Each structure stands twice: as C-alpha cells, then as structure tokens.
Amino acid sequence: MPLRLKDKNTLPFCVKGTPGARPYEELVRPEDATVIKCSYSGFVRTDLEQTISGFEIVVLCGLATDCCLLQTAFDAAERCGK
C-alpha cells in the first residue's frame, strides 16, 4: 500500500477486493461490456482494446477523472486513435 494512504489509514481505491474497486451496478446494464481493471488505466492487463475494437464511439465514465479516467483516455488515444 502506498505510504501516503497508510499514513492516513485509508484503503486504496483501485485494488481488487476493496470496496472502492467494486463496479457501480446502478450504472451498468446487463448488455453493457465491462472490463475489470487492475491499474489506473483500463488498458493495463485487460482485454479493453479488444472489447472496444470496431466501435466508432466509446464513452468513458468514472469517479477519478484526474487519474484513472484520464489515463485510460490517453491510452485509448495512443492505442486506438489510429
């Protein structure tokens, strides 16, 4: 666990098994494609690139725009913006 979180006695929010890593079921419909991520970017060690392959429009949503969402968007532009 990063030292800054340990000092504040705070659980990390993007670690599998912690409450902050759970999907928001209220926002997900059964027909939606979902990817469980294990890093700030949704592309790291996931099948996100294959999941969105062929789509013209992809909508990203999340809670941590300044880190997770932004990192995923940057990676999408680099990997899929060809």
C-alpha atoms as a PDB file:
ATOM      1  CA  MET A   1       0.000   0.000   0.000  1.00  0.00           C
ATOM      2  CA  PRO A   2       1.390   3.466  -0.851  1.00  0.00           C
ATOM      3  CA  LEU A   3       2.813   5.256   2.162  1.00  0.00           C
ATOM      4  CA  ARG A   4       0.512   8.289   1.788  1.00  0.00           C
ATOM      5  CA  LEU A   5      -2.547   6.022   2.151  1.00  0.00           C
ATOM      6  CA  LYS A   6      -1.020   4.059   5.006  1.00  0.00           C
ATOM      7  CA  ASP A   7      -0.294   7.297   6.898  1.00  0.00           C
ATOM      8  CA  LYS A   8      -3.936   8.348   6.553  1.00  0.00           C
ATOM      9  CA  ASN A   9      -5.153   4.861   7.468  1.00  0.00           C
ATOM     10  CA  THR A  10      -7.031   4.789   4.147  1.00  0.00           C
ATOM     11  CA  LEU A  11      -7.710   1.759   1.979  1.00  0.00           C
ATOM     12  CA  PRO A  12      -6.547   2.088  -1.650  1.00  0.00           C
ATOM     13  CA  PHE A  13      -9.484   2.530  -4.032  1.00  0.00           C
ATOM     14  CA  CYS A  14      -8.230   0.665  -7.094  1.00  0.00           C
ATOM     15  CA  VAL A  15      -7.213  -2.620  -5.505  1.00  0.00           C
ATOM     16  CA  LYS A  16      -9.238  -5.745  -6.233  1.00  0.00           C
ATOM     17  CA  GLY A  17     -11.289  -6.821  -3.250  1.00  0.00           C
ATOM     18  CA  THR A  18     -11.578  -3.362  -1.685  1.00  0.00           C
ATOM     19  CA  PRO A  19     -14.945  -1.566  -1.562  1.00  0.00           C
ATOM     20  CA  GLY A  20     -13.653   1.211  -3.823  1.00  0.00           C
ATOM     21  CA  ALA A  21     -12.889  -1.241  -6.619  1.00  0.00           C
ATOM     22  CA  ARG A  22     -16.417  -2.581  -6.963  1.00  0.00           C
ATOM     23  CA  PRO A  23     -18.366  -1.783 -10.140  1.00  0.00           C
ATOM     24  CA  TYR A  24     -21.255   0.641  -9.790  1.00  0.00           C
ATOM     25  CA  GLU A  25     -24.104  -1.703 -10.655  1.00  0.00           C
ATOM     26  CA  GLU A  26     -26.516   1.243 -10.842  1.00  0.00           C
ATOM     27  CA  LEU A  27     -24.690   2.474 -13.948  1.00  0.00           C
ATOM     28  CA  VAL A  28     -24.237  -0.828 -15.759  1.00  0.00           C
ATOM     29  CA  ARG A  29     -26.897  -2.530 -17.851  1.00  0.00           C
ATOM     30  CA  PRO A  30     -26.702  -6.296 -18.465  1.00  0.00           C
ATOM     31  CA  GLU A  31     -25.936  -5.753 -22.166  1.00  0.00           C
ATOM     32  CA  ASP A  32     -23.032  -3.363 -21.449  1.00  0.00           C
ATOM     33  CA  ALA A  33     -19.474  -4.550 -21.968  1.00  0.00           C
ATOM     34  CA  THR A  34     -17.468  -4.145 -18.781  1.00  0.00           C
ATOM     35  CA  VAL A  35     -13.786  -4.547 -18.023  1.00  0.00           C
ATOM     36  CA  ILE A  36     -12.476  -5.008 -14.503  1.00  0.00           C
ATOM     37  CA  LYS A  37      -9.244  -3.096 -14.314  1.00  0.00           C
ATOM     38  CA  CYS A  38      -6.268  -3.549 -12.017  1.00  0.00           C
ATOM     39  CA  SER A  39      -4.386  -0.328 -12.680  1.00  0.00           C
ATOM     40  CA  TYR A  40      -5.138   3.336 -13.261  1.00  0.00           C
ATOM     41  CA  SER A  41      -5.512   2.690 -16.982  1.00  0.00           C
ATOM     42  CA  GLY A  42      -8.257   0.380 -18.168  1.00  0.00           C
ATOM     43  CA  PHE A  43      -5.843  -0.965 -20.792  1.00  0.00           C
ATOM     44  CA  VAL A  44      -3.257  -2.456 -18.428  1.00  0.00           C
ATOM     45  CA  ARG A  45      -3.592  -6.264 -18.235  1.00  0.00           C
ATOM     46  CA  THR A  46      -7.199  -6.232 -19.531  1.00  0.00           C
ATOM     47  CA  ASP A  47      -8.947  -7.030 -22.802  1.00  0.00           C
ATOM     48  CA  LEU A  48     -10.323  -3.486 -23.165  1.00  0.00           C
ATOM     49  CA  GLU A  49      -8.624  -2.870 -26.506  1.00  0.00           C
ATOM     50  CA  GLN A  50     -10.251  -5.985 -27.986  1.00  0.00           C
ATOM     51  CA  THR A  51     -13.575  -5.177 -26.307  1.00  0.00           C
ATOM     52  CA  ILE A  52     -13.842  -1.760 -27.962  1.00  0.00           C
ATOM     53  CA  SER A  53     -12.300  -2.788 -31.271  1.00  0.00           C
ATOM     54  CA  GLY A  54     -14.619  -1.899 -34.133  1.00  0.00           C
ATOM     55  CA  PHE A  55     -16.645   0.686 -32.227  1.00  0.00           C
ATOM     56  CA  GLU A  56     -16.688   4.196 -33.645  1.00  0.00           C
ATOM     57  CA  ILE A  57     -17.702   5.830 -30.338  1.00  0.00           C
ATOM     58  CA  VAL A  58     -16.642   4.771 -26.841  1.00  0.00           C
ATOM     59  CA  VAL A  59     -17.919   6.528 -23.723  1.00  0.00           C
ATOM     60  CA  LEU A  60     -15.649   6.554 -20.670  1.00  0.00           C
ATOM     61  CA  CYS A  61     -17.050   7.272 -17.254  1.00  0.00           C
ATOM     62  CA  GLY A  62     -15.642   7.066 -13.785  1.00  0.00           C
ATOM     63  CA  LEU A  63     -15.095   8.790 -10.491  1.00  0.00           C
ATOM     64  CA  ALA A  64     -11.424   9.674 -10.591  1.00  0.00           C
ATOM     65  CA  THR A  65     -11.251  11.845 -13.700  1.00  0.00           C
ATOM     66  CA  ASP A  66      -7.874  13.277 -12.742  1.00  0.00           C
ATOM     67  CA  CYS A  67      -6.139   9.895 -12.703  1.00  0.00           C
ATOM     68  CA  CYS A  68      -7.962   6.728 -13.796  1.00  0.00           C
ATOM     69  CA  LEU A  69     -10.266   8.173 -16.422  1.00  0.00           C
ATOM     70  CA  LEU A  70      -7.618  10.485 -17.838  1.00  0.00           C
ATOM     71  CA  GLN A  71      -5.013   7.707 -18.021  1.00  0.00           C
ATOM     72  CA  THR A  72      -7.485   5.390 -19.782  1.00  0.00           C
ATOM     73  CA  ALA A  73      -8.394   8.165 -22.252  1.00  0.00           C
ATOM     74  CA  PHE A  74      -4.714   8.886 -23.011  1.00  0.00           C
ATOM     75  CA  ASP A  75      -4.058   5.183 -23.559  1.00  0.00           C
ATOM     76  CA  ALA A  76      -7.148   4.915 -25.799  1.00  0.00           C
ATOM     77  CA  ALA A  77      -5.926   7.803 -27.960  1.00  0.00           C
ATOM     78  CA  GLU A  78      -2.498   6.209 -28.252  1.00  0.00           C
ATOM     79  CA  ARG A  79      -3.657   2.635 -28.895  1.00  0.00           C
ATOM     80  CA  CYS A  80      -6.926   3.088 -30.759  1.00  0.00           C
ATOM     81  CA  GLY A  81      -6.685   6.529 -32.324  1.00  0.00           C
ATOM     82  CA  LYS A  82      -5.011   5.260 -35.490  1.00  0.00           C
END
